[in-house]
């Protein structure tokens, strides 16, 4: 059994039904837990409903006791912006660049914290519960 962090088993796409934008292909990102300084801003409820996280992804996550809330959130992480098939990046606000769907601009689906990552350790994080999953 490998000790390397799990990779996304499915392609990741925009969660909007009418948008077919692929954010990145399967096996492109690593599952990590991170604590954002502030919660990601909400996406308009009339545009977005949280997609179901597939069982294969749920099994990858280690969770505390059922009555405990994890201290950090789960994200798909890449260290190179070129690993994305499609992603939009906002201007920096308070040290955070928000990531969006490159086709329909639905945002935020993730973030890049410019203040806590050195140039050699950049992390681009996509929230696992703000994207849709599809078979390749």
N, C-alpha and C. Protein backbone atom coordinates (compact mmCIF):
# COMPACT_ATOMS: atom_id res chain seq x y z
N UNK A 1 0.85 -1.19 0.00
CA UNK A 1 0.00 0.00 0.00
C UNK A 1 0.89 1.25 0.00
N UNK A 2 0.51 2.23 -0.77
CA UNK A 2 1.31 3.45 -0.93
C UNK A 2 0.99 4.45 0.17
N UNK A 3 2.05 5.17 0.60
CA UNK A 3 1.85 6.23 1.60
C UNK A 3 1.65 7.59 0.96
N UNK A 4 1.67 7.64 -0.37
CA UNK A 4 1.49 8.93 -1.04
C UNK A 4 0.05 9.40 -0.89
N UNK A 5 -0.17 10.71 -0.85
CA UNK A 5 -1.53 11.24 -0.69
C UNK A 5 -2.42 10.83 -1.86
N UNK A 6 -3.70 10.62 -1.60
CA UNK A 6 -4.60 10.19 -2.68
C UNK A 6 -4.82 11.28 -3.73
N UNK A 7 -4.94 10.85 -4.97
CA UNK A 7 -5.21 11.74 -6.10
C UNK A 7 -6.69 11.67 -6.44
N UNK A 8 -7.20 12.70 -7.12
CA UNK A 8 -8.61 12.71 -7.49
C UNK A 8 -8.88 11.57 -8.48
N UNK A 9 -9.82 10.68 -8.15
CA UNK A 9 -10.08 9.52 -9.02
C UNK A 9 -10.93 9.86 -10.24
N UNK A 10 -11.63 10.98 -10.19
CA UNK A 10 -12.53 11.38 -11.27
C UNK A 10 -12.15 12.76 -11.77
N UNK A 11 -12.54 13.07 -12.99
CA UNK A 11 -12.35 14.43 -13.50
C UNK A 11 -13.20 15.38 -12.67
N UNK A 12 -12.73 16.61 -12.52
CA UNK A 12 -13.42 17.63 -11.75
C UNK A 12 -13.95 18.67 -12.73
N UNK A 13 -15.25 19.02 -12.59
CA UNK A 13 -15.84 19.99 -13.51
C UNK A 13 -16.65 21.02 -12.76
N UNK A 14 -17.05 22.04 -13.48
CA UNK A 14 -17.91 23.07 -12.91
C UNK A 14 -19.20 22.41 -12.40
N UNK A 15 -19.72 22.85 -11.25
CA UNK A 15 -20.93 22.23 -10.70
C UNK A 15 -22.22 22.67 -11.38
N UNK A 16 -22.18 23.70 -12.21
CA UNK A 16 -23.41 24.15 -12.87
C UNK A 16 -23.77 23.18 -13.99
N UNK A 17 -25.03 22.73 -14.00
CA UNK A 17 -25.47 21.75 -14.99
C UNK A 17 -25.24 22.20 -16.42
N UNK A 18 -25.52 23.46 -16.69
CA UNK A 18 -25.43 23.94 -18.08
C UNK A 18 -24.00 24.20 -18.54
N UNK A 19 -23.05 24.21 -17.60
CA UNK A 19 -21.65 24.46 -17.93
C UNK A 19 -20.91 23.12 -18.01
N UNK A 20 -20.17 22.92 -19.03
CA UNK A 20 -19.45 21.66 -19.23
C UNK A 20 -17.94 21.81 -19.01
N UNK A 21 -17.52 22.89 -18.38
CA UNK A 21 -16.10 23.18 -18.19
C UNK A 21 -15.44 22.13 -17.28
N UNK A 22 -14.33 21.57 -17.73
CA UNK A 22 -13.53 20.64 -16.93
C UNK A 22 -12.43 21.46 -16.26
N UNK A 23 -12.38 21.40 -14.93
CA UNK A 23 -11.38 22.14 -14.16
C UNK A 23 -10.03 21.41 -14.25
N UNK A 24 -10.03 20.11 -13.98
CA UNK A 24 -8.85 19.28 -14.24
C UNK A 24 -9.25 17.83 -14.37
N UNK A 25 -8.38 17.06 -15.02
CA UNK A 25 -8.61 15.65 -15.27
C UNK A 25 -8.34 14.83 -14.01
N UNK A 26 -8.75 13.58 -14.04
CA UNK A 26 -8.47 12.66 -12.94
C UNK A 26 -6.97 12.49 -12.72
N UNK A 27 -6.60 12.21 -11.49
CA UNK A 27 -5.21 11.99 -11.09
C UNK A 27 -4.33 13.23 -11.21
N UNK A 28 -4.94 14.42 -11.27
CA UNK A 28 -4.17 15.66 -11.42
C UNK A 28 -3.93 16.37 -10.09
N UNK A 29 -4.75 16.09 -9.08
CA UNK A 29 -4.68 16.84 -7.82
C UNK A 29 -4.61 15.88 -6.63
N UNK A 30 -4.12 16.40 -5.54
CA UNK A 30 -3.95 15.63 -4.31
C UNK A 30 -4.98 16.09 -3.28
N UNK A 31 -5.56 15.15 -2.56
CA UNK A 31 -6.51 15.46 -1.50
C UNK A 31 -5.76 15.95 -0.27
N UNK A 32 -6.11 17.16 0.22
CA UNK A 32 -5.47 17.74 1.40
C UNK A 32 -6.53 18.37 2.30
N UNK A 33 -6.15 18.60 3.54
CA UNK A 33 -6.98 19.36 4.46
C UNK A 33 -6.27 20.67 4.74
N UNK A 34 -7.01 21.76 4.66
CA UNK A 34 -6.45 23.08 4.93
C UNK A 34 -7.48 23.92 5.66
N UNK A 35 -6.98 24.86 6.42
CA UNK A 35 -7.85 25.82 7.11
C UNK A 35 -7.66 27.17 6.44
N UNK A 36 -8.70 27.67 5.83
CA UNK A 36 -8.69 28.99 5.22
C UNK A 36 -8.86 30.02 6.34
N UNK A 37 -8.19 31.14 6.21
CA UNK A 37 -8.28 32.19 7.25
C UNK A 37 -9.74 32.61 7.47
N UNK A 38 -10.52 32.65 6.41
CA UNK A 38 -11.96 32.91 6.48
C UNK A 38 -12.64 31.93 5.56
N UNK A 39 -13.91 31.65 5.82
CA UNK A 39 -14.66 30.73 4.96
C UNK A 39 -14.73 31.29 3.54
N UNK A 40 -14.80 30.39 2.57
CA UNK A 40 -15.02 30.85 1.19
C UNK A 40 -16.36 31.56 1.12
N UNK A 41 -16.44 32.66 0.40
CA UNK A 41 -17.73 33.35 0.26
C UNK A 41 -18.76 32.42 -0.36
N UNK A 42 -20.01 32.65 -0.02
CA UNK A 42 -21.10 31.81 -0.53
C UNK A 42 -21.31 32.04 -2.02
N UNK A 43 -21.77 30.99 -2.67
CA UNK A 43 -22.18 31.09 -4.07
C UNK A 43 -23.69 31.24 -4.06
N UNK A 44 -24.24 32.10 -4.91
CA UNK A 44 -25.68 32.35 -4.94
C UNK A 44 -26.50 31.08 -4.98
N UNK A 45 -27.44 30.92 -4.06
CA UNK A 45 -28.22 29.69 -3.97
C UNK A 45 -29.09 29.47 -5.20
N UNK A 46 -29.43 30.53 -5.92
CA UNK A 46 -30.24 30.35 -7.12
C UNK A 46 -29.40 29.80 -8.28
N UNK A 47 -28.08 29.88 -8.18
CA UNK A 47 -27.21 29.39 -9.25
C UNK A 47 -26.59 28.03 -8.94
N UNK A 48 -26.48 27.71 -7.68
CA UNK A 48 -25.63 26.59 -7.29
C UNK A 48 -26.28 25.78 -6.18
N UNK A 49 -26.26 24.49 -6.33
CA UNK A 49 -26.58 23.62 -5.20
C UNK A 49 -25.39 22.71 -5.01
N UNK A 50 -25.02 22.49 -3.79
CA UNK A 50 -23.82 21.71 -3.50
C UNK A 50 -23.93 20.32 -4.12
N UNK A 51 -22.97 19.95 -4.98
CA UNK A 51 -23.04 18.63 -5.60
C UNK A 51 -22.76 17.52 -4.60
N UNK A 52 -23.25 16.36 -4.91
CA UNK A 52 -23.01 15.19 -4.07
C UNK A 52 -21.55 14.75 -4.24
N UNK A 53 -20.90 14.52 -3.13
CA UNK A 53 -19.52 14.03 -3.18
C UNK A 53 -19.59 12.52 -3.41
N UNK A 54 -18.96 12.02 -4.47
CA UNK A 54 -19.02 10.59 -4.76
C UNK A 54 -18.45 9.74 -3.62
N UNK A 55 -18.97 8.52 -3.48
CA UNK A 55 -18.51 7.62 -2.42
C UNK A 55 -17.01 7.37 -2.50
N UNK A 56 -16.47 7.26 -3.70
CA UNK A 56 -15.04 7.00 -3.85
C UNK A 56 -14.22 8.13 -3.22
N UNK A 57 -14.71 9.36 -3.31
CA UNK A 57 -14.02 10.50 -2.68
C UNK A 57 -14.24 10.47 -1.18
N UNK A 58 -15.45 10.17 -0.75
CA UNK A 58 -15.74 10.10 0.69
C UNK A 58 -14.85 9.08 1.39
N UNK A 59 -14.60 7.94 0.71
CA UNK A 59 -13.75 6.90 1.31
C UNK A 59 -12.30 7.38 1.44
N UNK A 60 -11.89 8.31 0.60
CA UNK A 60 -10.52 8.82 0.66
C UNK A 60 -10.30 9.71 1.87
N UNK A 61 -11.37 10.31 2.36
CA UNK A 61 -11.26 11.26 3.46
C UNK A 61 -11.29 10.50 4.79
N UNK A 62 -10.38 10.84 5.67
CA UNK A 62 -10.44 10.28 7.02
C UNK A 62 -11.22 11.27 7.86
N UNK A 63 -12.23 10.79 8.52
CA UNK A 63 -13.07 11.70 9.29
C UNK A 63 -13.03 11.32 10.77
N UNK A 64 -13.21 12.31 11.62
CA UNK A 64 -13.28 12.01 13.05
C UNK A 64 -14.58 11.31 13.39
N UNK A 65 -14.85 11.16 14.67
CA UNK A 65 -16.09 10.53 15.11
C UNK A 65 -17.28 11.22 14.43
N UNK A 66 -18.37 10.48 14.21
CA UNK A 66 -19.51 11.05 13.48
C UNK A 66 -20.06 12.35 14.07
N UNK A 67 -19.95 12.52 15.39
CA UNK A 67 -20.50 13.74 16.00
C UNK A 67 -19.48 14.89 16.03
N UNK A 68 -18.26 14.65 15.53
CA UNK A 68 -17.23 15.69 15.48
C UNK A 68 -17.17 16.33 14.11
N UNK A 69 -16.95 17.62 14.08
CA UNK A 69 -16.77 18.33 12.82
C UNK A 69 -15.27 18.43 12.54
N UNK A 70 -14.84 18.13 11.30
CA UNK A 70 -13.41 18.29 11.03
C UNK A 70 -12.96 19.73 11.26
N UNK A 71 -11.73 19.91 11.71
CA UNK A 71 -11.21 21.24 11.97
C UNK A 71 -10.84 21.97 10.68
N UNK A 72 -10.49 21.23 9.67
CA UNK A 72 -10.10 21.80 8.39
C UNK A 72 -11.04 21.29 7.30
N UNK A 73 -11.02 21.97 6.17
CA UNK A 73 -11.83 21.56 5.04
C UNK A 73 -10.99 20.75 4.06
N UNK A 74 -11.65 19.93 3.25
CA UNK A 74 -10.97 19.13 2.25
C UNK A 74 -10.92 19.86 0.91
N UNK A 75 -9.77 19.76 0.28
CA UNK A 75 -9.54 20.41 -1.01
C UNK A 75 -8.75 19.49 -1.93
N UNK A 76 -8.92 19.72 -3.24
CA UNK A 76 -8.03 19.13 -4.24
C UNK A 76 -6.95 20.16 -4.48
N UNK A 77 -5.68 19.77 -4.29
CA UNK A 77 -4.57 20.71 -4.35
C UNK A 77 -3.65 20.39 -5.52
N UNK A 78 -3.28 21.44 -6.25
CA UNK A 78 -2.21 21.35 -7.24
C UNK A 78 -1.21 22.45 -6.90
N UNK A 79 0.03 22.23 -7.28
CA UNK A 79 1.08 23.21 -6.95
C UNK A 79 1.51 24.03 -8.16
N UNK A 80 0.93 23.72 -9.30
CA UNK A 80 1.26 24.43 -10.54
C UNK A 80 -0.04 24.83 -11.23
N UNK A 81 -0.21 26.10 -11.48
CA UNK A 81 -1.44 26.58 -12.12
C UNK A 81 -1.67 25.92 -13.47
N UNK A 82 -0.61 25.45 -14.11
CA UNK A 82 -0.72 24.80 -15.41
C UNK A 82 -1.32 23.39 -15.32
N UNK A 83 -1.51 22.87 -14.10
CA UNK A 83 -2.15 21.57 -13.92
C UNK A 83 -3.64 21.63 -14.20
N UNK A 84 -4.21 22.82 -14.16
CA UNK A 84 -5.64 22.98 -14.44
C UNK A 84 -5.88 22.88 -15.94
N UNK A 85 -7.01 22.30 -16.32
CA UNK A 85 -7.46 22.38 -17.71
C UNK A 85 -8.04 23.77 -17.94
N UNK A 86 -8.87 24.21 -16.99
CA UNK A 86 -9.53 25.52 -17.06
C UNK A 86 -9.76 26.03 -15.65
N UNK A 87 -9.35 27.26 -15.38
CA UNK A 87 -9.66 27.89 -14.11
C UNK A 87 -9.49 29.40 -14.28
N UNK A 88 -10.35 30.15 -13.62
CA UNK A 88 -10.22 31.60 -13.58
C UNK A 88 -9.62 32.00 -12.25
N UNK A 89 -8.85 33.08 -12.24
CA UNK A 89 -8.19 33.55 -11.02
C UNK A 89 -8.53 35.02 -10.82
N UNK A 90 -8.99 35.37 -9.62
CA UNK A 90 -9.35 36.75 -9.32
C UNK A 90 -8.10 37.57 -8.99
N UNK A 91 -8.30 38.88 -8.90
CA UNK A 91 -7.26 39.74 -8.36
C UNK A 91 -7.11 39.41 -6.88
N UNK A 92 -5.98 39.74 -6.30
CA UNK A 92 -5.73 39.45 -4.89
C UNK A 92 -6.53 40.39 -4.01
N UNK A 93 -7.22 39.81 -3.01
CA UNK A 93 -7.95 40.59 -2.02
C UNK A 93 -7.59 40.03 -0.65
N UNK A 94 -6.95 40.86 0.15
CA UNK A 94 -6.51 40.45 1.50
C UNK A 94 -5.65 39.19 1.45
N UNK A 95 -4.79 39.08 0.45
CA UNK A 95 -3.87 37.96 0.34
C UNK A 95 -4.45 36.69 -0.26
N UNK A 96 -5.70 36.75 -0.71
CA UNK A 96 -6.37 35.58 -1.28
C UNK A 96 -6.73 35.84 -2.74
N UNK A 97 -6.44 34.87 -3.59
CA UNK A 97 -6.92 34.88 -4.97
C UNK A 97 -7.96 33.78 -5.05
N UNK A 98 -9.18 34.14 -5.44
CA UNK A 98 -10.24 33.15 -5.54
C UNK A 98 -10.21 32.51 -6.93
N UNK A 99 -10.52 31.21 -6.95
CA UNK A 99 -10.53 30.46 -8.20
C UNK A 99 -11.98 30.27 -8.65
N UNK A 100 -12.20 30.35 -9.95
CA UNK A 100 -13.54 30.26 -10.50
C UNK A 100 -13.56 29.36 -11.73
N UNK A 101 -14.75 29.05 -12.18
CA UNK A 101 -14.92 28.34 -13.44
C UNK A 101 -14.46 29.28 -14.56
N UNK A 102 -13.62 28.80 -15.44
CA UNK A 102 -13.10 29.65 -16.52
C UNK A 102 -14.14 29.95 -17.58
N UNK A 103 -15.17 29.11 -17.71
CA UNK A 103 -16.18 29.32 -18.74
C UNK A 103 -17.35 30.19 -18.28
N UNK A 104 -17.92 29.88 -17.12
CA UNK A 104 -19.12 30.62 -16.69
C UNK A 104 -18.86 31.59 -15.54
N UNK A 105 -17.63 31.62 -15.02
CA UNK A 105 -17.23 32.52 -13.93
C UNK A 105 -17.88 32.22 -12.59
N UNK A 106 -18.48 31.04 -12.41
CA UNK A 106 -19.02 30.68 -11.11
C UNK A 106 -17.86 30.69 -10.10
N UNK A 107 -18.07 31.40 -8.99
CA UNK A 107 -16.98 31.52 -8.03
C UNK A 107 -17.52 31.76 -6.63
N UNK A 108 -16.71 31.48 -5.63
CA UNK A 108 -15.43 30.81 -5.73
C UNK A 108 -15.59 29.29 -5.61
N UNK A 109 -14.81 28.57 -6.36
CA UNK A 109 -14.75 27.12 -6.22
C UNK A 109 -13.49 26.71 -5.45
N UNK A 110 -12.63 27.69 -5.22
CA UNK A 110 -11.40 27.43 -4.48
C UNK A 110 -10.61 28.71 -4.29
N UNK A 111 -9.36 28.56 -3.87
CA UNK A 111 -8.55 29.75 -3.60
C UNK A 111 -7.06 29.45 -3.66
N UNK A 112 -6.29 30.52 -3.68
CA UNK A 112 -4.83 30.47 -3.56
C UNK A 112 -4.46 31.55 -2.54
N UNK A 113 -3.84 31.15 -1.45
CA UNK A 113 -3.44 32.08 -0.39
C UNK A 113 -2.03 32.56 -0.69
N UNK A 114 -1.90 33.82 -1.09
CA UNK A 114 -0.59 34.36 -1.49
C UNK A 114 0.29 34.70 -0.29
N UNK A 115 -0.28 34.79 0.90
CA UNK A 115 0.49 35.19 2.08
C UNK A 115 1.10 34.02 2.83
N UNK A 116 0.53 32.83 2.70
CA UNK A 116 1.04 31.70 3.49
C UNK A 116 1.82 30.70 2.65
N UNK A 117 1.97 30.95 1.36
CA UNK A 117 2.72 30.03 0.52
C UNK A 117 3.85 30.76 -0.17
N UNK A 118 5.05 30.24 0.00
CA UNK A 118 6.22 30.80 -0.68
C UNK A 118 6.15 30.40 -2.15
N UNK A 119 6.92 31.09 -3.00
CA UNK A 119 6.91 30.80 -4.42
C UNK A 119 7.20 29.33 -4.72
N UNK A 120 8.05 28.71 -3.94
CA UNK A 120 8.39 27.30 -4.18
C UNK A 120 7.34 26.34 -3.63
N UNK A 121 6.38 26.83 -2.86
CA UNK A 121 5.36 25.99 -2.23
C UNK A 121 3.94 26.47 -2.53
N UNK A 122 3.70 26.93 -3.74
CA UNK A 122 2.36 27.42 -4.08
C UNK A 122 1.35 26.29 -4.00
N UNK A 123 0.16 26.63 -3.51
CA UNK A 123 -0.94 25.68 -3.46
C UNK A 123 -2.18 26.35 -4.04
N UNK A 124 -2.78 25.68 -5.00
CA UNK A 124 -4.05 26.10 -5.57
C UNK A 124 -5.06 25.06 -5.11
N UNK A 125 -6.08 25.51 -4.38
CA UNK A 125 -6.99 24.60 -3.71
C UNK A 125 -8.41 24.73 -4.24
N UNK A 126 -8.99 23.60 -4.63
CA UNK A 126 -10.38 23.54 -5.10
C UNK A 126 -11.18 22.78 -4.05
N UNK A 127 -12.22 23.40 -3.51
CA UNK A 127 -13.05 22.78 -2.47
C UNK A 127 -13.78 21.56 -3.04
N UNK A 128 -13.69 20.42 -2.34
CA UNK A 128 -14.27 19.19 -2.88
C UNK A 128 -15.79 19.25 -2.98
N UNK A 129 -16.41 20.12 -2.19
CA UNK A 129 -17.88 20.19 -2.19
C UNK A 129 -18.41 21.35 -3.05
N UNK A 130 -17.54 21.96 -3.85
CA UNK A 130 -17.97 23.06 -4.72
C UNK A 130 -17.76 22.73 -6.20
N UNK A 131 -17.51 21.47 -6.49
CA UNK A 131 -17.30 21.04 -7.87
C UNK A 131 -18.12 19.77 -8.12
N UNK A 132 -18.27 19.44 -9.40
CA UNK A 132 -18.94 18.21 -9.78
C UNK A 132 -17.88 17.21 -10.24
N UNK A 133 -18.25 15.96 -10.26
CA UNK A 133 -17.33 14.89 -10.62
C UNK A 133 -17.88 14.13 -11.82
N UNK A 134 -16.99 13.72 -12.72
CA UNK A 134 -17.46 12.95 -13.87
C UNK A 134 -16.45 11.88 -14.23
N UNK A 135 -16.99 10.77 -14.74
CA UNK A 135 -16.13 9.70 -15.23
C UNK A 135 -15.37 10.20 -16.44
N UNK A 136 -14.16 9.72 -16.62
CA UNK A 136 -13.36 10.16 -17.76
C UNK A 136 -13.62 9.32 -18.98
